[in-house]
Amino acid sequence: MSERNSAAPATHPVLDGEGFRLRTTAELARIGRSGGFVSLAVLQAPPGTAGGAAQAAGEIGRYLRRSVRTQDVVGLDGRGVTLMLPDTDSVQAGMAATRLLAVARVAGGGAGAAWGCGIATVYGQVEGGSEALIAAAQEAIRDARPGEIRASGSLRGRPRVLVIDDDRTFCQALADTVSELGWEGFPCSDVADAFTRVKDDDYAGLIVDLCIPGTNGVALLREALARRPRLPALLVSGKDASPDQVMEALALGPVTFMRKPFPRTEVEAALRMFRGLLPGVGRGSRGSAHP
């Protein structure tokens, strides 16, 4: 949350609970329609320190009014500060939380070291809306030790990747690898189910086997990309891959190809490509510096 260089920096309003909730609801509606990330960082003093907490929260709120991006939203109550961060994934939210705790230590004096921070991140639609997002961040902070940043265990902001392969063992193993790399891999080995799921807006990327009995990966990609032309996809296949089919798939959109077997590092590289195409990632700030 670096300060702007402007001699007279703009300020942003500090909202009360209801105003903050309404702004959060509007932001969740936006990413529910178009995809993207939003995070909350909740900074609070421990119970029994309400007097000092109010003073420190006010100081943090004044700092944030001068320093946050134009799209960020500051909420303030008697015990702490909540910062809503549109277009911010869980890693970026953690960086913002680190800076918040540093400000709290300065603003709250010796007691500031006892403050904790909870973060929650979502991507796209979230069941329960703003109530669920706020509750997840508050739940995280209840589990945080003094001076600790704790991420929500229920909302981790992990985009879903649909993994389609008729080899159930391979499909599950690949989905597990995707999940281990910070995404949410969903395995699918049934052809009819695959054709239904590729139309589902819940997925932020696809990994599709080229050679599937009863159809092929190109047909599945064509079905998915007809609805969502910018949906990133990875086409995989063994030695029996048809060069013509591979070229046909690559011409459909943001598709890359990988031949089996492939190492974990290649899956990581594909997911980096996916990430660069996710809505809300890599846009840069729309105003002041990112927290």
Protein backbone atom coordinates (compact mmCIF):
# COMPACT_ATOMS: atom_id res chain seq x y z
CA MET A 1 0.00 0.00 0.00
CA SER A 2 2.59 2.48 -1.10
CA GLU A 3 1.79 6.18 -0.96
CA ARG A 4 1.05 8.03 -4.16
CA ASN A 5 3.61 10.48 -5.38
CA SER A 6 1.04 13.18 -5.93
CA ALA A 7 1.44 16.28 -3.76
CA ALA A 8 -2.29 16.24 -2.99
CA PRO A 9 -3.38 12.60 -3.10
CA ALA A 10 -7.04 11.81 -3.55
CA THR A 11 -8.87 10.24 -0.63
CA HIS A 12 -11.48 7.54 -0.55
CA PRO A 13 -14.45 7.32 1.82
CA VAL A 14 -14.31 4.99 4.82
CA LEU A 15 -17.62 3.15 4.81
CA ASP A 16 -19.66 1.87 7.72
CA GLY A 17 -20.80 -1.75 7.93
CA GLU A 18 -23.89 -1.44 5.75
CA GLY A 19 -22.21 0.71 3.10
CA PHE A 20 -19.28 -1.67 2.94
CA ARG A 21 -21.58 -4.67 2.58
CA LEU A 22 -23.48 -3.05 -0.29
CA ARG A 23 -20.23 -2.26 -2.15
CA THR A 24 -19.03 -5.81 -1.62
CA THR A 25 -22.31 -7.19 -2.94
CA ALA A 26 -21.98 -5.07 -6.08
CA GLU A 27 -18.40 -6.27 -6.67
CA LEU A 28 -19.39 -9.92 -6.26
CA ALA A 29 -22.20 -9.41 -8.77
CA ARG A 30 -19.64 -8.07 -11.26
CA ILE A 31 -17.23 -10.99 -10.99
CA GLY A 32 -20.15 -13.41 -10.95
CA ARG A 33 -21.02 -12.18 -14.44
CA SER A 34 -17.56 -11.82 -15.95
CA GLY A 35 -15.15 -13.77 -13.76
CA GLY A 36 -12.29 -12.35 -11.73
CA PHE A 37 -10.97 -12.22 -8.18
CA VAL A 38 -11.96 -10.23 -5.14
CA SER A 39 -10.37 -10.44 -1.69
CA LEU A 40 -11.15 -9.17 1.77
CA ALA A 41 -8.48 -8.41 4.36
CA VAL A 42 -9.88 -8.00 7.89
CA LEU A 43 -7.62 -6.44 10.51
CA GLN A 44 -8.78 -6.54 14.13
CA ALA A 45 -7.50 -6.08 17.65
CA PRO A 46 -7.90 -8.92 20.13
CA PRO A 47 -10.85 -8.84 22.57
CA GLY A 48 -10.41 -6.55 25.55
CA THR A 49 -8.48 -3.84 23.70
CA ALA A 50 -11.40 -1.88 22.28
CA GLY A 51 -10.19 1.58 23.35
CA GLY A 52 -6.79 1.38 21.72
CA ALA A 53 -8.30 -0.52 18.80
CA ALA A 54 -10.63 2.34 17.88
CA GLN A 55 -7.75 4.83 17.84
CA ALA A 56 -5.50 2.54 15.80
CA ALA A 57 -8.34 1.64 13.41
CA GLY A 58 -8.99 5.31 12.80
CA GLU A 59 -5.32 5.90 12.04
CA ILE A 60 -5.23 2.93 9.65
CA GLY A 61 -8.42 4.15 7.99
CA ARG A 62 -6.91 7.60 7.43
CA TYR A 63 -3.81 6.02 5.94
CA LEU A 64 -5.86 3.84 3.61
CA ARG A 65 -7.93 6.78 2.38
CA ARG A 66 -4.74 8.24 0.93
CA SER A 67 -3.08 5.11 -0.36
CA VAL A 68 -5.44 2.50 -1.76
CA ARG A 69 -6.32 2.07 -5.42
CA THR A 70 -9.45 3.75 -6.70
CA GLN A 71 -11.31 0.43 -6.84
CA ASP A 72 -10.43 -0.66 -3.28
CA VAL A 73 -13.01 -0.12 -0.54
CA VAL A 74 -12.29 0.60 3.13
CA GLY A 75 -14.69 -0.42 5.90
CA LEU A 76 -14.22 0.76 9.49
CA ASP A 77 -15.82 -0.21 12.80
CA GLY A 78 -14.91 0.14 16.46
CA ARG A 79 -12.59 -2.87 16.53
CA GLY A 80 -10.85 -2.88 13.21
CA VAL A 81 -10.59 -2.29 9.48
CA THR A 82 -11.77 -4.31 6.49
CA LEU A 83 -10.28 -3.73 3.06
CA MET A 84 -12.04 -5.04 -0.06
CA LEU A 85 -9.59 -5.62 -2.91
CA PRO A 86 -11.15 -6.14 -6.37
CA ASP A 87 -9.02 -7.93 -8.98
CA THR A 88 -6.79 -9.29 -6.21
CA ASP A 89 -5.93 -12.95 -5.73
CA SER A 90 -4.96 -14.63 -2.46
CA VAL A 91 -1.22 -14.00 -2.89
CA GLN A 92 -1.76 -10.28 -3.49
CA ALA A 93 -4.21 -10.17 -0.56
CA GLY A 94 -1.51 -11.63 1.66
CA MET A 95 0.86 -8.86 0.61
CA ALA A 96 -1.79 -6.25 1.43
CA ALA A 97 -2.39 -7.92 4.82
CA THR A 98 1.33 -7.78 5.61
CA ARG A 99 1.31 -4.03 5.03
CA LEU A 100 -1.85 -3.60 7.10
CA LEU A 101 -0.24 -5.31 10.07
CA ALA A 102 2.83 -3.10 9.73
CA VAL A 103 0.62 0.01 9.84
CA ALA A 104 -1.27 -1.40 12.85
CA ARG A 105 1.97 -1.89 14.76
CA VAL A 106 2.88 1.76 14.21
CA ALA A 107 -0.61 3.17 14.79
CA GLY A 108 -1.37 1.02 17.82
CA GLY A 109 1.97 1.34 19.56
CA GLY A 110 2.98 -1.70 21.59
CA ALA A 111 -0.57 -3.07 21.45
CA GLY A 112 -0.47 -3.03 17.65
CA ALA A 113 1.68 -6.15 17.61
CA ALA A 114 -1.31 -8.08 18.99
CA TRP A 115 -3.50 -7.33 15.99
CA GLY A 116 -4.24 -10.15 13.57
CA CYS A 117 -5.45 -10.29 9.98
CA GLY A 118 -7.79 -12.68 8.19
CA ILE A 119 -8.09 -12.87 4.41
CA ALA A 120 -10.61 -14.51 2.12
CA THR A 121 -10.56 -14.64 -1.68
CA VAL A 122 -13.12 -15.75 -4.25
CA TYR A 123 -13.08 -16.16 -8.01
CA GLY A 124 -16.29 -15.72 -9.99
CA GLN A 125 -19.56 -16.72 -8.38
CA VAL A 126 -19.68 -17.47 -4.67
CA GLU A 127 -22.59 -19.12 -2.93
CA GLY A 128 -23.85 -16.89 -0.13
CA GLY A 129 -22.58 -13.65 -1.68
CA SER A 130 -21.10 -10.90 0.49
CA GLU A 131 -22.29 -12.55 3.70
CA ALA A 132 -20.24 -15.66 2.89
CA LEU A 133 -17.14 -13.69 1.92
CA ILE A 134 -17.21 -11.48 5.03
CA ALA A 135 -17.94 -14.46 7.27
CA ALA A 136 -15.01 -16.39 5.78
CA ALA A 137 -12.58 -13.54 6.48
CA GLN A 138 -13.92 -13.08 10.01
CA GLU A 139 -13.65 -16.81 10.65
CA ALA A 140 -10.02 -16.71 9.51
CA ILE A 141 -9.17 -13.86 11.87
CA ARG A 142 -10.73 -15.67 14.83
CA ASP A 143 -8.16 -18.40 14.26
CA ALA A 144 -5.25 -15.99 13.79
CA ARG A 145 -2.64 -15.59 16.51
CA PRO A 146 -1.43 -12.08 17.45
CA GLY A 147 0.50 -10.62 14.54
CA GLU A 148 -0.48 -13.50 12.23
CA ILE A 149 -2.14 -13.48 8.82
CA ARG A 150 -4.59 -16.34 8.44
CA ALA A 151 -6.25 -17.29 5.14
CA SER A 152 -9.80 -18.62 5.05
CA GLY A 153 -10.08 -22.39 5.01
CA SER A 154 -13.46 -22.29 3.24
CA LEU A 155 -12.89 -19.63 0.55
CA ARG A 156 -9.45 -19.86 -1.02
CA GLY A 157 -10.16 -18.11 -4.32
CA ARG A 158 -9.07 -21.08 -6.42
CA PRO A 159 -10.32 -21.06 -10.03
CA ARG A 160 -11.63 -24.44 -11.20
CA VAL A 161 -10.01 -26.41 -14.01
CA LEU A 162 -11.94 -29.18 -15.75
CA VAL A 163 -9.72 -32.18 -16.54
CA ILE A 164 -11.17 -34.53 -19.19
CA ASP A 165 -9.57 -37.90 -19.90
CA ASP A 166 -11.10 -41.36 -20.35
CA ASP A 167 -8.27 -42.89 -18.29
CA ARG A 168 -9.79 -42.43 -14.83
CA THR A 169 -6.55 -43.01 -12.95
CA PHE A 170 -4.61 -40.52 -15.06
CA CYS A 171 -7.49 -38.03 -14.97
CA GLN A 172 -7.69 -38.09 -11.17
CA ALA A 173 -3.91 -37.85 -10.80
CA LEU A 174 -3.77 -34.83 -13.13
CA ALA A 175 -6.66 -33.14 -11.32
CA ASP A 176 -4.84 -33.73 -8.02
CA THR A 177 -1.69 -32.12 -9.45
CA VAL A 178 -3.71 -29.10 -10.57
CA SER A 179 -5.14 -28.78 -7.05
CA GLU A 180 -1.69 -29.10 -5.47
CA LEU A 181 -0.57 -26.18 -7.63
CA GLY A 182 -3.16 -23.85 -6.12
CA TRP A 183 -6.09 -24.36 -8.46
CA GLU A 184 -9.11 -26.68 -8.08
CA GLY A 185 -8.89 -29.62 -10.43
CA PHE A 186 -12.14 -31.39 -11.30
CA PRO A 187 -11.74 -34.80 -13.02
CA CYS A 188 -14.23 -35.96 -15.68
CA SER A 189 -13.98 -39.27 -17.55
CA ASP A 190 -17.51 -39.62 -18.93
CA VAL A 191 -18.06 -38.30 -22.47
CA ALA A 192 -21.68 -37.20 -22.02
CA ASP A 193 -20.83 -35.48 -18.73
CA ALA A 194 -17.84 -33.78 -20.37
CA PHE A 195 -19.99 -32.24 -23.11
CA THR A 196 -22.30 -30.85 -20.43
CA ARG A 197 -19.51 -29.53 -18.22
CA VAL A 198 -17.56 -27.71 -20.95
CA LYS A 199 -20.60 -25.41 -21.25
CA ASP A 200 -20.40 -24.58 -17.54
CA ASP A 201 -19.14 -21.08 -16.71
CA ASP A 202 -17.76 -22.30 -13.37
CA TYR A 203 -14.50 -23.41 -14.99
CA ALA A 204 -11.60 -21.04 -15.60
CA GLY A 205 -9.67 -23.46 -17.81
CA LEU A 206 -9.78 -26.88 -19.48
CA ILE A 207 -7.33 -29.77 -19.81
CA VAL A 208 -8.60 -32.16 -22.47
CA ASP A 209 -7.29 -35.45 -23.84
CA LEU A 210 -7.23 -35.50 -27.63
CA CYS A 211 -8.13 -39.17 -28.02
CA ILE A 212 -11.36 -40.03 -26.19
CA PRO A 213 -13.52 -43.03 -27.23
CA GLY A 214 -16.75 -41.83 -28.82
CA THR A 215 -15.46 -38.33 -29.56
CA ASN A 216 -12.20 -36.36 -29.49
CA GLY A 217 -10.71 -33.45 -27.61
CA VAL A 218 -11.09 -31.09 -30.54
CA ALA A 219 -14.88 -31.52 -30.50
CA LEU A 220 -14.97 -30.79 -26.78
CA LEU A 221 -12.79 -27.71 -27.19
CA ARG A 222 -14.91 -26.48 -30.07
CA GLU A 223 -18.03 -26.80 -27.91
CA ALA A 224 -16.41 -24.92 -25.01
CA LEU A 225 -14.77 -22.15 -27.05
CA ALA A 226 -17.90 -21.48 -29.07
CA ARG A 227 -19.43 -20.18 -25.83
CA ARG A 228 -16.30 -18.69 -24.26
CA PRO A 229 -13.71 -17.83 -26.94
CA ARG A 230 -11.08 -16.69 -24.40
CA LEU A 231 -11.28 -19.79 -22.19
CA PRO A 232 -7.71 -21.13 -21.85
CA ALA A 233 -7.23 -24.81 -22.62
CA LEU A 234 -4.53 -27.45 -22.69
CA LEU A 235 -4.83 -30.33 -25.16
CA VAL A 236 -2.91 -33.47 -24.17
CA SER A 237 -2.27 -36.73 -26.00
CA GLY A 238 0.01 -39.73 -26.28
CA LYS A 239 1.97 -40.92 -29.28
CA ASP A 240 -1.17 -41.45 -31.37
CA ALA A 241 -1.90 -37.72 -31.67
CA SER A 242 -2.94 -36.62 -35.13
CA PRO A 243 -0.94 -33.55 -36.25
CA ASP A 244 -3.95 -32.29 -38.20
CA GLN A 245 -6.18 -32.51 -35.11
CA VAL A 246 -3.60 -30.78 -32.98
CA MET A 247 -3.31 -27.92 -35.48
CA GLU A 248 -7.10 -27.70 -35.68
CA ALA A 249 -7.31 -27.38 -31.90
CA LEU A 250 -4.58 -24.74 -31.70
CA ALA A 251 -6.46 -22.60 -34.22
CA LEU A 252 -9.59 -22.51 -32.03
CA GLY A 253 -8.33 -20.04 -29.44
CA PRO A 254 -5.98 -19.86 -26.42
CA VAL A 255 -5.06 -23.56 -26.67
CA THR A 256 -1.68 -25.17 -26.09
CA PHE A 257 -0.61 -28.77 -26.65
CA MET A 258 1.35 -31.19 -24.50
CA ARG A 259 2.35 -34.77 -25.28
CA LYS A 260 2.06 -37.50 -22.63
CA PRO A 261 3.87 -38.28 -20.44
CA PHE A 262 4.77 -34.83 -19.15
CA PRO A 263 6.43 -33.62 -15.94
CA ARG A 264 4.76 -31.54 -13.25
CA THR A 265 6.73 -28.48 -14.38
CA GLU A 266 4.88 -28.55 -17.71
CA VAL A 267 1.54 -28.51 -15.88
CA GLU A 268 2.79 -25.51 -13.91
CA ALA A 269 3.70 -23.74 -17.15
CA ALA A 270 0.23 -24.39 -18.60
CA LEU A 271 -1.44 -23.03 -15.48
CA ARG A 272 0.69 -19.88 -15.71
CA MET A 273 -0.70 -19.44 -19.21
CA PHE A 274 -4.21 -19.97 -17.85
CA ARG A 275 -3.61 -17.43 -15.12
CA GLY A 276 -2.52 -14.75 -17.56
CA LEU A 277 -5.86 -15.07 -19.34
CA LEU A 278 -8.10 -15.00 -16.26
CA PRO A 279 -10.33 -11.93 -15.97
CA GLY A 280 -9.04 -9.58 -13.30
CA VAL A 281 -5.40 -10.68 -13.58
CA GLY A 282 -2.66 -8.55 -15.03
CA ARG A 283 -4.81 -5.49 -15.67
CA GLY A 284 -2.74 -3.15 -13.52
CA SER A 285 -4.24 -0.60 -11.18
CA ARG A 286 -6.98 1.81 -12.12
CA GLY A 287 -5.68 4.65 -9.99
CA SER A 288 -3.21 4.45 -7.15
CA ALA A 289 -0.74 1.76 -6.29
CA HIS A 290 -1.86 -1.71 -5.28
CA PRO A 291 -1.72 -2.41 -1.54
